[in-house]
Amino acid sequence: MTHPTLSHLAKDGAEIAVRVTPKASRNLVVEEGGVIRVYVTTVPEDGKATAAVAKLLSKALGVAKTRLVLIRGATSRDKVFRIDG
């Protein structure tokens, strides 16, 4: 399965909710029924999984990783990122 293009969501100030699955078999971003799921191979410790999610999500959105700001869910599987201009 290829990474979906989420560029239609890449608007300044947009908030993007994702459901994270750490320790997955591979890195993957999928959109299922309006829910964005991000699978990362990284373990959820010291923010490593969150950093991996930001990297994958920025690639799928087509925006620089520095424009993604985590606004909710630093230690949760449900995270919300905002795209800053």
N, C-alpha and C. Protein backbone atom coordinates (compact mmCIF):
# COMPACT_ATOMS: atom_id res chain seq x y z
N MET A 1 0.85 -1.19 0.00
CA MET A 1 0.00 0.00 0.00
C MET A 1 0.89 1.24 0.00
N THR A 2 0.56 2.20 -0.83
CA THR A 2 1.36 3.41 -0.91
C THR A 2 0.83 4.46 0.06
N HIS A 3 1.68 5.43 0.33
CA HIS A 3 1.24 6.51 1.21
C HIS A 3 0.19 7.33 0.50
N PRO A 4 -0.92 7.61 1.17
CA PRO A 4 -1.93 8.45 0.53
C PRO A 4 -1.45 9.89 0.48
N THR A 5 -1.94 10.62 -0.49
CA THR A 5 -1.62 12.03 -0.54
C THR A 5 -2.65 12.76 0.31
N LEU A 6 -2.16 13.44 1.32
CA LEU A 6 -3.05 14.19 2.20
C LEU A 6 -2.88 15.68 1.95
N SER A 7 -2.34 16.03 0.78
CA SER A 7 -2.04 17.43 0.49
C SER A 7 -3.30 18.31 0.52
N HIS A 8 -4.47 17.71 0.29
CA HIS A 8 -5.71 18.50 0.35
C HIS A 8 -6.00 19.01 1.77
N LEU A 9 -5.34 18.42 2.77
CA LEU A 9 -5.52 18.85 4.16
C LEU A 9 -4.48 19.89 4.58
N ALA A 10 -3.48 20.11 3.73
CA ALA A 10 -2.34 20.96 4.10
C ALA A 10 -2.67 22.44 3.93
N LYS A 11 -3.45 22.97 4.84
CA LYS A 11 -3.80 24.38 4.84
C LYS A 11 -3.29 25.00 6.12
N ASP A 12 -2.81 26.25 6.04
CA ASP A 12 -2.31 26.93 7.23
C ASP A 12 -3.37 26.96 8.32
N GLY A 13 -2.99 26.57 9.52
CA GLY A 13 -3.91 26.59 10.65
C GLY A 13 -4.78 25.35 10.76
N ALA A 14 -4.69 24.45 9.78
CA ALA A 14 -5.51 23.23 9.82
C ALA A 14 -5.05 22.34 10.97
N GLU A 15 -6.03 21.74 11.64
CA GLU A 15 -5.72 20.78 12.70
C GLU A 15 -6.01 19.38 12.18
N ILE A 16 -5.02 18.50 12.34
CA ILE A 16 -5.12 17.16 11.79
C ILE A 16 -5.01 16.15 12.92
N ALA A 17 -6.10 15.40 13.12
CA ALA A 17 -6.13 14.38 14.18
C ALA A 17 -5.65 13.07 13.59
N VAL A 18 -4.77 12.39 14.32
CA VAL A 18 -4.27 11.10 13.86
C VAL A 18 -4.34 10.08 14.99
N ARG A 19 -4.46 8.84 14.61
CA ARG A 19 -4.43 7.71 15.55
C ARG A 19 -3.12 6.98 15.28
N VAL A 20 -2.31 6.84 16.30
CA VAL A 20 -0.97 6.28 16.13
C VAL A 20 -0.90 4.84 16.62
N THR A 21 -0.23 4.00 15.84
CA THR A 21 0.08 2.64 16.27
C THR A 21 1.60 2.50 16.27
N PRO A 22 2.21 2.53 17.47
CA PRO A 22 3.67 2.36 17.55
C PRO A 22 4.04 0.88 17.43
N LYS A 23 5.32 0.63 17.22
CA LYS A 23 5.86 -0.73 17.11
C LYS A 23 5.16 -1.54 16.03
N ALA A 24 4.76 -0.87 14.94
CA ALA A 24 4.13 -1.56 13.81
C ALA A 24 5.21 -2.26 12.99
N SER A 25 4.78 -3.11 12.07
CA SER A 25 5.76 -3.84 11.25
C SER A 25 6.42 -2.93 10.23
N ARG A 26 5.73 -1.83 9.85
CA ARG A 26 6.33 -0.89 8.92
C ARG A 26 5.71 0.48 9.09
N ASN A 27 6.40 1.50 8.56
CA ASN A 27 5.89 2.87 8.61
C ASN A 27 4.86 3.07 7.51
N LEU A 28 3.69 3.57 7.91
CA LEU A 28 2.60 3.69 6.95
C LEU A 28 1.61 4.74 7.41
N VAL A 29 1.04 5.48 6.44
CA VAL A 29 -0.03 6.43 6.72
C VAL A 29 -1.23 5.99 5.90
N VAL A 30 -2.37 5.76 6.55
CA VAL A 30 -3.58 5.39 5.83
C VAL A 30 -4.74 6.25 6.30
N GLU A 31 -5.68 6.46 5.39
CA GLU A 31 -6.90 7.19 5.72
C GLU A 31 -8.06 6.21 5.59
N GLU A 32 -8.70 5.92 6.71
CA GLU A 32 -9.81 4.96 6.73
C GLU A 32 -11.06 5.65 7.25
N GLY A 33 -12.02 5.82 6.40
CA GLY A 33 -13.28 6.41 6.82
C GLY A 33 -13.13 7.77 7.47
N GLY A 34 -12.24 8.59 6.94
CA GLY A 34 -12.05 9.93 7.48
C GLY A 34 -11.10 9.98 8.67
N VAL A 35 -10.60 8.83 9.10
CA VAL A 35 -9.64 8.78 10.21
C VAL A 35 -8.25 8.53 9.64
N ILE A 36 -7.31 9.37 10.04
CA ILE A 36 -5.94 9.19 9.58
C ILE A 36 -5.21 8.33 10.60
N ARG A 37 -4.70 7.20 10.14
CA ARG A 37 -3.94 6.30 11.01
C ARG A 37 -2.49 6.31 10.57
N VAL A 38 -1.61 6.45 11.56
CA VAL A 38 -0.18 6.46 11.27
C VAL A 38 0.46 5.30 12.02
N TYR A 39 1.08 4.41 11.26
CA TYR A 39 1.77 3.25 11.83
C TYR A 39 3.26 3.53 11.78
N VAL A 40 3.94 3.42 12.93
CA VAL A 40 5.38 3.64 12.96
C VAL A 40 6.07 2.46 13.62
N THR A 41 7.28 2.17 13.16
CA THR A 41 8.04 1.04 13.71
C THR A 41 8.72 1.42 15.02
N THR A 42 8.75 2.70 15.33
CA THR A 42 9.44 3.20 16.50
C THR A 42 8.71 2.85 17.80
N VAL A 43 9.49 2.71 18.87
CA VAL A 43 8.90 2.44 20.18
C VAL A 43 8.42 3.75 20.80
N PRO A 44 7.34 3.70 21.59
CA PRO A 44 6.80 4.94 22.18
C PRO A 44 7.52 5.34 23.46
N GLU A 45 8.77 5.78 23.33
CA GLU A 45 9.50 6.25 24.51
C GLU A 45 10.31 7.48 24.16
N ASP A 46 10.36 8.41 25.09
CA ASP A 46 11.11 9.66 24.93
C ASP A 46 10.72 10.45 23.68
N GLY A 47 9.48 10.33 23.26
CA GLY A 47 9.00 11.10 22.12
C GLY A 47 9.47 10.59 20.76
N LYS A 48 10.10 9.42 20.73
CA LYS A 48 10.61 8.89 19.46
C LYS A 48 9.49 8.59 18.48
N ALA A 49 8.41 7.98 18.96
CA ALA A 49 7.30 7.65 18.08
C ALA A 49 6.63 8.92 17.56
N THR A 50 6.49 9.92 18.42
CA THR A 50 5.87 11.18 18.00
C THR A 50 6.70 11.85 16.92
N ALA A 51 8.02 11.81 17.05
CA ALA A 51 8.90 12.39 16.04
C ALA A 51 8.76 11.64 14.72
N ALA A 52 8.65 10.32 14.80
CA ALA A 52 8.49 9.51 13.58
C ALA A 52 7.15 9.81 12.92
N VAL A 53 6.11 10.00 13.73
CA VAL A 53 4.78 10.33 13.20
C VAL A 53 4.83 11.68 12.48
N ALA A 54 5.47 12.66 13.09
CA ALA A 54 5.57 13.99 12.48
C ALA A 54 6.29 13.91 11.14
N LYS A 55 7.34 13.11 11.07
CA LYS A 55 8.10 12.96 9.83
C LYS A 55 7.24 12.34 8.73
N LEU A 56 6.55 11.24 9.07
CA LEU A 56 5.69 10.56 8.08
C LEU A 56 4.53 11.45 7.64
N LEU A 57 3.91 12.10 8.62
CA LEU A 57 2.75 12.93 8.34
C LEU A 57 3.14 14.12 7.46
N SER A 58 4.28 14.73 7.74
CA SER A 58 4.71 15.88 6.94
C SER A 58 4.95 15.46 5.50
N LYS A 59 5.50 14.26 5.31
CA LYS A 59 5.74 13.75 3.95
C LYS A 59 4.41 13.52 3.23
N ALA A 60 3.44 12.92 3.93
CA ALA A 60 2.12 12.65 3.33
C ALA A 60 1.38 13.94 3.00
N LEU A 61 1.58 14.97 3.84
CA LEU A 61 0.90 16.24 3.62
C LEU A 61 1.63 17.11 2.60
N GLY A 62 2.91 16.82 2.41
CA GLY A 62 3.70 17.64 1.50
C GLY A 62 4.11 18.97 2.10
N VAL A 63 4.29 18.98 3.43
CA VAL A 63 4.74 20.21 4.11
C VAL A 63 6.03 19.91 4.87
N ALA A 64 6.76 20.96 5.21
CA ALA A 64 7.99 20.79 5.98
C ALA A 64 7.65 20.31 7.38
N LYS A 65 8.49 19.43 7.91
CA LYS A 65 8.25 18.89 9.26
C LYS A 65 8.21 20.00 10.30
N THR A 66 8.95 21.08 10.06
CA THR A 66 8.99 22.19 11.02
C THR A 66 7.66 22.93 11.08
N ARG A 67 6.80 22.76 10.07
CA ARG A 67 5.49 23.43 10.08
C ARG A 67 4.45 22.66 10.89
N LEU A 68 4.74 21.41 11.25
CA LEU A 68 3.80 20.61 12.04
C LEU A 68 4.05 20.84 13.52
N VAL A 69 3.01 21.24 14.22
CA VAL A 69 3.12 21.49 15.65
C VAL A 69 2.15 20.56 16.37
N LEU A 70 2.68 19.79 17.32
CA LEU A 70 1.82 18.90 18.11
C LEU A 70 1.09 19.75 19.14
N ILE A 71 -0.24 19.75 19.08
CA ILE A 71 -1.00 20.58 20.03
C ILE A 71 -1.72 19.75 21.09
N ARG A 72 -1.94 18.46 20.82
CA ARG A 72 -2.55 17.58 21.81
C ARG A 72 -2.04 16.16 21.63
N GLY A 73 -1.88 15.46 22.75
CA GLY A 73 -1.61 14.03 22.69
C GLY A 73 -0.16 13.62 22.70
N ALA A 74 0.70 14.37 23.38
CA ALA A 74 2.13 14.04 23.41
C ALA A 74 2.38 12.61 23.89
N THR A 75 1.59 12.14 24.84
CA THR A 75 1.80 10.78 25.38
C THR A 75 0.64 9.86 25.07
N SER A 76 -0.21 10.27 24.13
CA SER A 76 -1.41 9.50 23.79
C SER A 76 -1.29 8.92 22.39
N ARG A 77 -2.07 7.90 22.09
CA ARG A 77 -2.12 7.36 20.73
C ARG A 77 -2.92 8.27 19.81
N ASP A 78 -3.79 9.08 20.41
CA ASP A 78 -4.57 10.05 19.62
C ASP A 78 -3.87 11.40 19.71
N LYS A 79 -3.39 11.88 18.58
CA LYS A 79 -2.64 13.13 18.55
C LYS A 79 -3.31 14.11 17.61
N VAL A 80 -3.10 15.39 17.89
CA VAL A 80 -3.59 16.45 17.00
C VAL A 80 -2.42 17.35 16.65
N PHE A 81 -2.17 17.48 15.35
CA PHE A 81 -1.13 18.37 14.85
C PHE A 81 -1.79 19.56 14.19
N ARG A 82 -1.11 20.72 14.27
CA ARG A 82 -1.57 21.92 13.56
C ARG A 82 -0.50 22.29 12.54
N ILE A 83 -0.93 22.74 11.39
CA ILE A 83 0.01 23.20 10.37
C ILE A 83 0.18 24.70 10.52
N ASP A 84 1.40 25.12 10.86
CA ASP A 84 1.70 26.53 10.99
C ASP A 84 2.25 27.06 9.68
N GLY A 85 1.91 28.30 9.38
CA GLY A 85 2.38 28.92 8.14
C GLY A 85 3.73 29.40 8.28
